[in-house]
N, C-alpha and C. Protein backbone atom coordinates (compact mmCIF):
# COMPACT_ATOMS: atom_id res chain seq x y z
N MET A 1 71.16 33.88 42.75
CA MET A 1 70.74 32.49 42.97
C MET A 1 71.46 31.55 42.01
N VAL A 2 71.42 31.88 40.72
CA VAL A 2 72.01 30.99 39.71
C VAL A 2 73.52 30.90 39.90
N ARG A 3 74.14 32.04 40.12
CA ARG A 3 75.61 32.04 40.25
C ARG A 3 76.07 31.30 41.50
N ASP A 4 75.47 31.63 42.65
CA ASP A 4 75.98 31.15 43.93
C ASP A 4 75.48 29.75 44.30
N GLN A 5 74.24 29.42 43.90
CA GLN A 5 73.66 28.16 44.36
C GLN A 5 73.71 27.05 43.31
N ILE A 6 73.87 27.44 42.05
CA ILE A 6 73.76 26.45 40.97
C ILE A 6 75.08 26.29 40.22
N GLU A 7 75.59 27.39 39.65
CA GLU A 7 76.86 27.30 38.90
C GLU A 7 78.01 26.84 39.79
N LEU A 8 78.09 27.37 41.00
CA LEU A 8 79.20 27.03 41.88
C LEU A 8 79.14 25.58 42.35
N ARG A 9 77.98 24.93 42.18
CA ARG A 9 77.85 23.53 42.58
C ARG A 9 77.94 22.59 41.39
N GLY A 10 78.35 23.12 40.22
CA GLY A 10 78.71 22.25 39.12
C GLY A 10 77.73 22.12 37.97
N VAL A 11 76.57 22.77 38.05
CA VAL A 11 75.64 22.72 36.92
C VAL A 11 76.10 23.75 35.90
N ASP A 12 76.46 23.28 34.69
CA ASP A 12 77.03 24.20 33.70
C ASP A 12 76.28 24.19 32.36
N ASP A 13 75.11 23.56 32.31
CA ASP A 13 74.34 23.53 31.08
C ASP A 13 73.79 24.93 30.80
N PRO A 14 74.24 25.59 29.72
CA PRO A 14 73.83 26.98 29.47
C PRO A 14 72.33 27.13 29.26
N LEU A 15 71.69 26.12 28.69
CA LEU A 15 70.24 26.16 28.49
C LEU A 15 69.51 26.22 29.83
N VAL A 16 69.96 25.42 30.78
CA VAL A 16 69.36 25.39 32.12
C VAL A 16 69.64 26.69 32.86
N LEU A 17 70.87 27.14 32.84
CA LEU A 17 71.24 28.35 33.60
C LEU A 17 70.48 29.56 33.10
N GLU A 18 70.36 29.70 31.79
CA GLU A 18 69.65 30.86 31.24
C GLU A 18 68.17 30.79 31.56
N ALA A 19 67.59 29.59 31.49
CA ALA A 19 66.17 29.44 31.82
C ALA A 19 65.92 29.81 33.28
N MET A 20 66.81 29.40 34.16
CA MET A 20 66.60 29.68 35.58
C MET A 20 66.86 31.14 35.92
N ARG A 21 67.63 31.81 35.08
CA ARG A 21 67.76 33.27 35.25
C ARG A 21 66.47 33.98 34.86
N ARG A 22 65.77 33.44 33.87
CA ARG A 22 64.57 34.11 33.35
C ARG A 22 63.32 33.83 34.17
N VAL A 23 63.22 32.65 34.77
CA VAL A 23 62.00 32.30 35.52
C VAL A 23 62.08 32.92 36.92
N GLU A 24 61.10 33.75 37.24
CA GLU A 24 61.07 34.43 38.53
C GLU A 24 60.43 33.50 39.57
N ARG A 25 61.27 32.94 40.44
CA ARG A 25 60.78 31.92 41.38
C ARG A 25 59.73 32.48 42.34
N HIS A 26 59.78 33.78 42.62
CA HIS A 26 58.81 34.34 43.57
C HIS A 26 57.38 34.27 43.03
N ARG A 27 57.23 34.13 41.70
CA ARG A 27 55.89 33.99 41.11
C ARG A 27 55.24 32.65 41.47
N PHE A 28 56.03 31.71 41.95
CA PHE A 28 55.56 30.34 42.20
C PHE A 28 55.55 29.98 43.68
N VAL A 29 55.82 30.96 44.52
CA VAL A 29 55.95 30.74 45.97
C VAL A 29 54.78 31.40 46.70
N PRO A 30 54.17 30.74 47.70
CA PRO A 30 53.11 31.37 48.49
C PRO A 30 53.57 32.68 49.12
N GLU A 31 52.63 33.59 49.28
CA GLU A 31 52.96 34.94 49.74
C GLU A 31 53.73 34.95 51.05
N GLU A 32 53.39 34.02 51.96
CA GLU A 32 54.05 34.04 53.27
C GLU A 32 55.52 33.62 53.20
N PHE A 33 55.96 33.10 52.06
CA PHE A 33 57.36 32.67 51.92
C PHE A 33 58.13 33.50 50.89
N LEU A 34 57.58 34.63 50.50
CA LEU A 34 58.22 35.44 49.45
C LEU A 34 59.63 35.86 49.83
N ASP A 35 59.87 36.09 51.13
CA ASP A 35 61.20 36.52 51.54
C ASP A 35 62.24 35.41 51.39
N GLN A 36 61.78 34.17 51.15
CA GLN A 36 62.69 33.04 50.96
C GLN A 36 62.68 32.52 49.52
N ALA A 37 62.05 33.26 48.62
CA ALA A 37 61.80 32.75 47.27
C ALA A 37 63.07 32.35 46.54
N TYR A 38 64.19 33.00 46.82
CA TYR A 38 65.42 32.70 46.09
C TYR A 38 66.47 32.00 46.96
N ASP A 39 66.03 31.50 48.13
CA ASP A 39 66.91 30.69 48.97
C ASP A 39 67.00 29.28 48.40
N ASP A 40 68.09 28.59 48.72
CA ASP A 40 68.32 27.26 48.13
C ASP A 40 67.76 26.15 49.00
N HIS A 41 66.44 26.16 49.15
CA HIS A 41 65.76 25.07 49.84
C HIS A 41 64.32 25.00 49.36
N PRO A 42 63.68 23.84 49.55
CA PRO A 42 62.28 23.72 49.15
C PRO A 42 61.39 24.56 50.05
N LEU A 43 60.19 24.88 49.55
CA LEU A 43 59.22 25.65 50.33
C LEU A 43 57.85 25.00 50.22
N PRO A 44 57.05 25.05 51.29
CA PRO A 44 55.70 24.48 51.22
C PRO A 44 54.81 25.27 50.26
N ILE A 45 53.96 24.55 49.52
CA ILE A 45 52.99 25.21 48.64
C ILE A 45 51.57 24.74 48.95
N GLY A 46 51.41 24.05 50.09
CA GLY A 46 50.10 23.56 50.49
C GLY A 46 49.87 22.12 50.07
N TYR A 47 48.88 21.48 50.70
CA TYR A 47 48.46 20.11 50.37
C TYR A 47 49.59 19.09 50.53
N GLY A 48 50.53 19.40 51.43
CA GLY A 48 51.64 18.50 51.69
C GLY A 48 52.69 18.47 50.60
N GLN A 49 52.66 19.46 49.70
CA GLN A 49 53.59 19.51 48.57
C GLN A 49 54.57 20.67 48.74
N THR A 50 55.64 20.65 47.93
CA THR A 50 56.65 21.70 48.01
C THR A 50 57.08 22.15 46.61
N ILE A 51 57.68 23.32 46.57
CA ILE A 51 58.44 23.74 45.39
C ILE A 51 59.89 23.35 45.68
N SER A 52 60.51 22.63 44.75
CA SER A 52 61.86 22.09 44.99
C SER A 52 62.90 23.21 45.11
N GLN A 53 64.01 22.88 45.77
CA GLN A 53 65.10 23.85 45.88
C GLN A 53 65.67 24.11 44.49
N PRO A 54 66.11 25.34 44.23
CA PRO A 54 66.60 25.70 42.89
C PRO A 54 67.71 24.78 42.37
N TYR A 55 68.66 24.40 43.24
CA TYR A 55 69.74 23.54 42.77
C TYR A 55 69.23 22.21 42.24
N ILE A 56 68.25 21.61 42.93
CA ILE A 56 67.71 20.32 42.49
C ILE A 56 66.96 20.48 41.17
N VAL A 57 66.23 21.57 41.02
CA VAL A 57 65.54 21.84 39.75
C VAL A 57 66.56 21.92 38.62
N ALA A 58 67.65 22.63 38.85
CA ALA A 58 68.69 22.77 37.84
C ALA A 58 69.38 21.44 37.55
N LEU A 59 69.70 20.69 38.60
CA LEU A 59 70.38 19.40 38.44
C LEU A 59 69.53 18.44 37.61
N MET A 60 68.24 18.34 37.96
CA MET A 60 67.36 17.43 37.24
C MET A 60 67.12 17.88 35.80
N SER A 61 66.98 19.18 35.60
CA SER A 61 66.77 19.70 34.25
C SER A 61 67.97 19.41 33.36
N ALA A 62 69.18 19.58 33.92
CA ALA A 62 70.38 19.31 33.15
C ALA A 62 70.53 17.82 32.85
N ALA A 63 70.15 16.99 33.82
CA ALA A 63 70.29 15.53 33.65
C ALA A 63 69.38 14.97 32.57
N LEU A 64 68.34 15.71 32.21
CA LEU A 64 67.44 15.26 31.15
C LEU A 64 68.13 15.19 29.79
N GLY A 65 69.15 16.02 29.60
CA GLY A 65 69.87 16.01 28.33
C GLY A 65 69.03 16.42 27.13
N VAL A 66 68.12 17.38 27.34
CA VAL A 66 67.17 17.76 26.29
C VAL A 66 67.68 18.92 25.44
N GLN A 67 67.03 19.07 24.28
CA GLN A 67 67.31 20.17 23.35
C GLN A 67 66.01 20.90 23.06
N PRO A 68 66.07 22.18 22.69
CA PRO A 68 64.84 22.91 22.35
C PRO A 68 63.99 22.15 21.33
N GLY A 69 62.70 22.11 21.59
CA GLY A 69 61.78 21.39 20.71
C GLY A 69 61.46 19.99 21.17
N ASP A 70 62.25 19.46 22.15
CA ASP A 70 61.98 18.12 22.67
C ASP A 70 60.66 18.10 23.44
N ARG A 71 60.06 16.93 23.49
CA ARG A 71 58.80 16.72 24.21
C ARG A 71 59.10 16.13 25.57
N VAL A 72 58.66 16.83 26.63
CA VAL A 72 58.98 16.42 28.00
C VAL A 72 57.69 16.21 28.79
N LEU A 73 57.64 15.10 29.52
CA LEU A 73 56.54 14.83 30.45
C LEU A 73 57.02 15.09 31.87
N GLU A 74 56.28 15.90 32.60
CA GLU A 74 56.59 16.14 34.02
C GLU A 74 55.48 15.53 34.87
N ILE A 75 55.86 14.76 35.87
CA ILE A 75 54.92 14.21 36.84
C ILE A 75 55.08 14.97 38.14
N GLY A 76 54.05 15.71 38.53
CA GLY A 76 54.10 16.52 39.74
C GLY A 76 54.28 17.99 39.43
N THR A 77 53.24 18.61 38.87
CA THR A 77 53.33 20.03 38.49
C THR A 77 53.63 20.92 39.68
N GLY A 78 52.97 20.63 40.82
CA GLY A 78 53.16 21.46 42.01
C GLY A 78 52.77 22.90 41.74
N SER A 79 53.70 23.81 41.95
CA SER A 79 53.47 25.24 41.71
C SER A 79 53.58 25.61 40.24
N GLY A 80 54.22 24.73 39.44
CA GLY A 80 54.46 25.03 38.03
C GLY A 80 55.87 25.52 37.74
N TYR A 81 56.70 25.63 38.78
CA TYR A 81 58.05 26.19 38.59
C TYR A 81 58.92 25.35 37.66
N GLN A 82 58.98 24.03 37.90
CA GLN A 82 59.80 23.17 37.05
C GLN A 82 59.29 23.20 35.61
N ALA A 83 57.98 23.21 35.42
CA ALA A 83 57.41 23.28 34.07
C ALA A 83 57.81 24.57 33.38
N ALA A 84 57.82 25.67 34.14
CA ALA A 84 58.21 26.96 33.57
C ALA A 84 59.67 26.95 33.13
N VAL A 85 60.53 26.34 33.95
CA VAL A 85 61.96 26.24 33.60
C VAL A 85 62.12 25.44 32.31
N LEU A 86 61.43 24.31 32.19
CA LEU A 86 61.50 23.49 30.98
C LEU A 86 60.96 24.25 29.77
N ALA A 87 59.90 25.01 29.99
CA ALA A 87 59.33 25.80 28.89
C ALA A 87 60.31 26.86 28.42
N GLU A 88 61.00 27.50 29.37
CA GLU A 88 62.00 28.51 29.02
C GLU A 88 63.19 27.88 28.29
N MET A 89 63.41 26.60 28.52
CA MET A 89 64.47 25.88 27.82
C MET A 89 64.05 25.52 26.40
N GLY A 90 62.78 25.79 26.06
CA GLY A 90 62.31 25.54 24.69
C GLY A 90 61.63 24.21 24.51
N MET A 91 61.26 23.57 25.63
CA MET A 91 60.63 22.25 25.54
C MET A 91 59.13 22.36 25.24
N GLU A 92 58.60 21.28 24.70
CA GLU A 92 57.15 21.09 24.60
C GLU A 92 56.78 20.29 25.85
N VAL A 93 56.12 20.94 26.82
CA VAL A 93 55.95 20.37 28.15
C VAL A 93 54.53 19.86 28.38
N TYR A 94 54.44 18.64 28.87
CA TYR A 94 53.17 18.05 29.32
C TYR A 94 53.33 17.74 30.80
N THR A 95 52.50 18.34 31.64
CA THR A 95 52.70 18.22 33.07
C THR A 95 51.43 17.75 33.76
N ILE A 96 51.59 16.82 34.72
CA ILE A 96 50.46 16.21 35.41
C ILE A 96 50.56 16.47 36.91
N GLU A 97 49.45 16.88 37.50
CA GLU A 97 49.37 17.10 38.95
C GLU A 97 48.13 16.39 39.49
N ILE A 98 48.31 15.63 40.56
CA ILE A 98 47.22 14.83 41.11
C ILE A 98 46.30 15.63 42.04
N VAL A 99 46.82 16.70 42.68
CA VAL A 99 46.01 17.52 43.59
C VAL A 99 45.23 18.55 42.76
N PRO A 100 43.90 18.45 42.73
CA PRO A 100 43.12 19.33 41.84
C PRO A 100 43.37 20.82 42.05
N GLU A 101 43.47 21.23 43.32
CA GLU A 101 43.67 22.65 43.61
C GLU A 101 45.02 23.15 43.09
N LEU A 102 46.06 22.34 43.26
CA LEU A 102 47.38 22.73 42.75
C LEU A 102 47.41 22.72 41.23
N ALA A 103 46.76 21.72 40.63
CA ALA A 103 46.71 21.62 39.17
C ALA A 103 46.04 22.85 38.57
N GLU A 104 44.93 23.26 39.16
CA GLU A 104 44.20 24.42 38.65
C GLU A 104 45.00 25.70 38.81
N ALA A 105 45.60 25.89 40.00
CA ALA A 105 46.37 27.10 40.26
C ALA A 105 47.61 27.18 39.36
N ALA A 106 48.31 26.06 39.21
CA ALA A 106 49.52 26.05 38.38
C ALA A 106 49.19 26.30 36.91
N SER A 107 48.12 25.69 36.43
CA SER A 107 47.72 25.88 35.04
C SER A 107 47.40 27.35 34.78
N ALA A 108 46.65 27.97 35.70
CA ALA A 108 46.31 29.38 35.55
C ALA A 108 47.56 30.26 35.60
N ARG A 109 48.48 29.93 36.51
CA ARG A 109 49.72 30.71 36.66
C ARG A 109 50.57 30.61 35.39
N LEU A 110 50.71 29.41 34.86
CA LEU A 110 51.54 29.22 33.66
C LEU A 110 50.93 29.93 32.45
N GLN A 111 49.60 29.91 32.35
CA GLN A 111 48.93 30.63 31.26
C GLN A 111 49.13 32.13 31.41
N GLU A 112 48.97 32.61 32.64
CA GLU A 112 49.13 34.04 32.91
C GLU A 112 50.54 34.52 32.55
N LEU A 113 51.52 33.66 32.78
CA LEU A 113 52.92 34.02 32.49
C LEU A 113 53.28 33.80 31.02
N GLY A 114 52.34 33.29 30.22
CA GLY A 114 52.55 33.20 28.78
C GLY A 114 53.21 31.93 28.30
N TYR A 115 53.17 30.87 29.10
CA TYR A 115 53.82 29.62 28.69
C TYR A 115 52.86 28.79 27.83
N SER A 116 52.76 29.16 26.58
CA SER A 116 51.84 28.48 25.65
C SER A 116 52.35 27.09 25.26
N ASN A 117 53.61 26.79 25.57
CA ASN A 117 54.18 25.47 25.25
C ASN A 117 54.07 24.49 26.41
N VAL A 118 53.17 24.79 27.37
CA VAL A 118 52.90 23.88 28.49
C VAL A 118 51.44 23.47 28.47
N GLN A 119 51.19 22.15 28.52
CA GLN A 119 49.85 21.63 28.69
C GLN A 119 49.79 20.92 30.04
N ALA A 120 48.75 21.25 30.84
CA ALA A 120 48.63 20.71 32.19
C ALA A 120 47.40 19.82 32.31
N LEU A 121 47.51 18.80 33.17
CA LEU A 121 46.43 17.83 33.36
C LEU A 121 46.34 17.47 34.84
N ASN A 122 45.11 17.39 35.35
CA ASN A 122 44.87 16.90 36.70
C ASN A 122 44.57 15.40 36.60
N ALA A 123 45.51 14.58 37.04
CA ALA A 123 45.35 13.12 36.90
C ALA A 123 46.38 12.42 37.78
N ASP A 124 46.30 11.10 37.83
CA ASP A 124 47.28 10.27 38.53
C ASP A 124 48.48 10.08 37.61
N GLY A 125 49.61 10.69 37.98
CA GLY A 125 50.78 10.68 37.12
C GLY A 125 51.44 9.32 36.96
N TYR A 126 51.06 8.36 37.79
CA TYR A 126 51.65 7.02 37.69
C TYR A 126 51.49 6.46 36.28
N PHE A 127 50.38 6.79 35.64
CA PHE A 127 50.07 6.23 34.33
C PHE A 127 50.57 7.09 33.17
N GLY A 128 51.25 8.20 33.50
CA GLY A 128 51.76 9.08 32.46
C GLY A 128 50.65 9.74 31.67
N TRP A 129 50.97 10.12 30.45
CA TRP A 129 50.01 10.80 29.56
C TRP A 129 50.21 10.20 28.18
N GLU A 130 49.63 9.02 28.00
CA GLU A 130 49.91 8.19 26.83
C GLU A 130 49.55 8.87 25.51
N GLU A 131 48.56 9.74 25.57
CA GLU A 131 48.09 10.43 24.36
C GLU A 131 49.21 11.14 23.61
N HIS A 132 50.17 11.68 24.35
CA HIS A 132 51.25 12.48 23.73
C HIS A 132 52.59 11.74 23.69
N ALA A 133 52.61 10.48 24.11
CA ALA A 133 53.85 9.70 24.09
C ALA A 133 54.21 9.32 22.65
N PRO A 134 55.49 9.00 22.38
CA PRO A 134 56.58 8.91 23.35
C PRO A 134 57.22 10.27 23.65
N TYR A 135 57.90 10.32 24.79
CA TYR A 135 58.54 11.55 25.25
C TYR A 135 60.05 11.45 25.14
N ASP A 136 60.67 12.57 24.75
CA ASP A 136 62.13 12.62 24.69
C ASP A 136 62.74 12.60 26.09
N ALA A 137 61.95 13.04 27.08
CA ALA A 137 62.42 13.03 28.47
C ALA A 137 61.21 13.02 29.39
N ILE A 138 61.39 12.42 30.56
CA ILE A 138 60.37 12.40 31.59
C ILE A 138 61.03 12.79 32.91
N ILE A 139 60.39 13.70 33.64
CA ILE A 139 60.92 14.15 34.93
C ILE A 139 59.84 13.96 35.99
N VAL A 140 60.22 13.33 37.10
CA VAL A 140 59.27 13.04 38.17
C VAL A 140 59.73 13.80 39.42
N THR A 141 58.82 14.60 40.00
CA THR A 141 59.21 15.49 41.10
C THR A 141 58.60 15.07 42.44
N ALA A 142 58.29 13.78 42.57
CA ALA A 142 57.89 13.18 43.84
C ALA A 142 58.43 11.75 43.83
N ALA A 143 58.58 11.17 45.03
CA ALA A 143 59.30 9.90 45.11
C ALA A 143 58.37 8.70 45.31
N PRO A 144 58.26 7.83 44.30
CA PRO A 144 57.59 6.54 44.50
C PRO A 144 58.60 5.54 45.08
N ASP A 145 58.11 4.35 45.43
CA ASP A 145 59.04 3.32 45.95
C ASP A 145 59.56 2.41 44.85
N HIS A 146 59.14 2.68 43.60
CA HIS A 146 59.65 1.92 42.46
C HIS A 146 59.43 2.76 41.19
N LEU A 147 60.04 2.36 40.11
CA LEU A 147 59.87 3.05 38.84
C LEU A 147 58.52 2.63 38.23
N PRO A 148 57.60 3.57 38.03
CA PRO A 148 56.32 3.22 37.41
C PRO A 148 56.52 2.72 35.96
N GLN A 149 56.08 1.51 35.70
CA GLN A 149 56.27 0.92 34.37
C GLN A 149 55.61 1.72 33.26
N PRO A 150 54.41 2.30 33.48
CA PRO A 150 53.81 3.10 32.40
C PRO A 150 54.69 4.27 31.95
N LEU A 151 55.45 4.85 32.88
CA LEU A 151 56.35 5.95 32.50
C LEU A 151 57.51 5.42 31.65
N ALA A 152 58.08 4.31 32.07
CA ALA A 152 59.16 3.70 31.29
C ALA A 152 58.69 3.37 29.87
N ASN A 153 57.44 2.91 29.76
CA ASN A 153 56.90 2.54 28.46
C ASN A 153 56.69 3.75 27.54
N GLN A 154 56.56 4.94 28.13
CA GLN A 154 56.28 6.14 27.34
C GLN A 154 57.55 6.93 26.99
N LEU A 155 58.71 6.39 27.34
CA LEU A 155 59.98 7.06 27.06
C LEU A 155 60.49 6.65 25.68
N ALA A 156 60.82 7.62 24.87
CA ALA A 156 61.31 7.36 23.52
C ALA A 156 62.70 6.73 23.55
N GLU A 157 63.05 6.03 22.50
CA GLU A 157 64.40 5.50 22.34
C GLU A 157 65.39 6.66 22.41
N GLY A 158 66.42 6.51 23.25
CA GLY A 158 67.41 7.56 23.45
C GLY A 158 67.00 8.59 24.49
N GLY A 159 65.77 8.46 25.01
CA GLY A 159 65.28 9.43 25.99
C GLY A 159 65.76 9.13 27.40
N ARG A 160 65.62 10.13 28.26
CA ARG A 160 66.03 9.99 29.66
C ARG A 160 64.86 10.24 30.60
N LEU A 161 64.84 9.49 31.69
CA LEU A 161 63.83 9.62 32.73
C LEU A 161 64.55 9.90 34.04
N ILE A 162 64.23 11.01 34.68
CA ILE A 162 64.86 11.40 35.94
C ILE A 162 63.82 11.27 37.04
N ILE A 163 64.14 10.48 38.08
CA ILE A 163 63.15 10.18 39.11
C ILE A 163 63.81 9.87 40.45
N PRO A 164 63.27 10.44 41.55
CA PRO A 164 63.73 10.01 42.87
C PRO A 164 62.96 8.75 43.27
N ILE A 165 63.63 7.77 43.81
CA ILE A 165 62.98 6.53 44.24
C ILE A 165 63.43 6.19 45.66
N GLY A 166 62.45 5.85 46.51
CA GLY A 166 62.80 5.47 47.87
C GLY A 166 61.65 5.67 48.82
N PRO A 167 61.88 5.35 50.09
CA PRO A 167 60.80 5.40 51.09
C PRO A 167 60.39 6.82 51.44
N ALA A 168 59.10 6.98 51.74
CA ALA A 168 58.58 8.29 52.13
C ALA A 168 59.20 8.75 53.44
N GLY A 169 59.57 10.03 53.48
CA GLY A 169 60.09 10.61 54.71
C GLY A 169 61.55 10.33 55.00
N LEU A 170 62.19 9.54 54.15
CA LEU A 170 63.60 9.21 54.34
C LEU A 170 64.40 9.65 53.11
N THR A 171 65.70 9.50 53.18
CA THR A 171 66.54 9.84 52.03
C THR A 171 66.26 8.86 50.88
N GLN A 172 66.11 9.41 49.70
CA GLN A 172 65.86 8.61 48.50
C GLN A 172 67.06 8.73 47.55
N THR A 173 66.99 8.04 46.43
CA THR A 173 68.05 8.10 45.43
C THR A 173 67.49 8.70 44.16
N LEU A 174 68.21 9.68 43.61
CA LEU A 174 67.82 10.27 42.33
C LEU A 174 68.44 9.44 41.21
N TRP A 175 67.58 8.89 40.33
CA TRP A 175 68.04 8.03 39.26
C TRP A 175 67.85 8.68 37.89
N GLN A 176 68.81 8.44 37.02
CA GLN A 176 68.69 8.80 35.60
C GLN A 176 68.62 7.50 34.81
N PHE A 177 67.48 7.25 34.18
CA PHE A 177 67.31 6.09 33.31
C PHE A 177 67.38 6.55 31.86
N GLU A 178 68.17 5.85 31.05
CA GLU A 178 68.24 6.17 29.62
C GLU A 178 67.78 4.97 28.81
N HIS A 179 66.91 5.24 27.86
CA HIS A 179 66.33 4.18 27.03
C HIS A 179 67.29 3.91 25.85
N VAL A 180 68.01 2.81 25.94
CA VAL A 180 69.01 2.48 24.93
C VAL A 180 68.74 1.08 24.39
N SER A 181 68.50 0.99 23.09
CA SER A 181 68.27 -0.31 22.42
C SER A 181 67.21 -1.14 23.13
N GLY A 182 66.12 -0.47 23.52
CA GLY A 182 65.00 -1.17 24.12
C GLY A 182 65.16 -1.48 25.59
N GLU A 183 66.26 -1.06 26.21
CA GLU A 183 66.49 -1.31 27.63
C GLU A 183 66.74 0.00 28.37
N LEU A 184 66.50 -0.02 29.68
CA LEU A 184 66.78 1.15 30.51
C LEU A 184 68.12 0.99 31.21
N GLN A 185 69.01 1.94 30.98
CA GLN A 185 70.31 1.96 31.66
C GLN A 185 70.24 2.99 32.78
N ALA A 186 70.61 2.58 33.99
CA ALA A 186 70.44 3.41 35.18
C ALA A 186 71.75 4.04 35.65
N VAL A 187 71.67 5.31 36.06
CA VAL A 187 72.80 6.02 36.66
C VAL A 187 72.31 6.64 37.97
N ASN A 188 73.04 6.40 39.05
CA ASN A 188 72.72 6.95 40.36
C ASN A 188 73.25 8.38 40.43
N LEU A 189 72.34 9.35 40.64
CA LEU A 189 72.74 10.76 40.70
C LEU A 189 72.89 11.27 42.13
N GLY A 190 72.69 10.36 43.12
CA GLY A 190 72.95 10.75 44.50
C GLY A 190 71.70 10.84 45.36
N PRO A 191 71.91 11.08 46.66
CA PRO A 191 70.80 11.12 47.62
C PRO A 191 69.99 12.41 47.52
N VAL A 192 68.67 12.28 47.69
CA VAL A 192 67.75 13.42 47.68
C VAL A 192 66.64 13.15 48.68
N VAL A 193 65.84 14.18 48.96
CA VAL A 193 64.63 14.01 49.76
C VAL A 193 63.49 14.73 49.06
N PHE A 194 62.49 13.95 48.61
CA PHE A 194 61.31 14.49 47.94
C PHE A 194 60.05 14.09 48.70
N VAL A 195 58.97 14.82 48.45
CA VAL A 195 57.67 14.41 49.00
C VAL A 195 57.27 13.08 48.37
N PRO A 196 56.44 12.30 49.05
CA PRO A 196 56.02 11.00 48.49
C PRO A 196 55.21 11.15 47.21
N PHE A 197 55.31 10.16 46.36
CA PHE A 197 54.53 10.08 45.13
C PHE A 197 53.09 9.72 45.52
N THR A 198 52.14 10.59 45.18
CA THR A 198 50.75 10.40 45.59
C THR A 198 49.95 9.68 44.51
N ARG A 199 49.10 8.76 44.96
CA ARG A 199 48.23 8.02 44.04
C ARG A 199 46.78 8.31 44.35
N LYS A 200 45.92 8.19 43.33
CA LYS A 200 44.48 8.34 43.55
C LYS A 200 43.91 7.01 44.01
């Protein structure tokens, strides 16, 4: 998976590649899709949500520009796969999931797998997790129609925020925002399709 779907498509961050080699994606996939666990496409995980395709997980993880020990906020825990990859990269991970059933299952799964550097919360991710801010990086795994201001406010100076933005059900744009001298500088990382950003 890592060699053929990720490295060959240009992701070369050794921290990301090694983390994705270590995280067993089949642990995060519903039983009926186990035969597709290492294919390069998203899979349903229930409640209208998905586990992202491995290439997109790698691309977004690399775009964060993080180092071991950095504090990362994830919006949209889902199955917990992205959080596990960040944890394997050595991050201090805070992850928020709005669907109670997914939040509970992912939290239990991450604990069972030994990811003590991940804290999970069932809440509306639009408002971030101010208690632990500022964050060295923020990653959003669902697409709102605009950049949530509370997330921008919780990004540390020099930090990066990776987020898909655009209309539900259509092609969106993956953006990398970097907090430089009190302002956000935007870089377009290309077209993507994510599930809609859910609000309470």
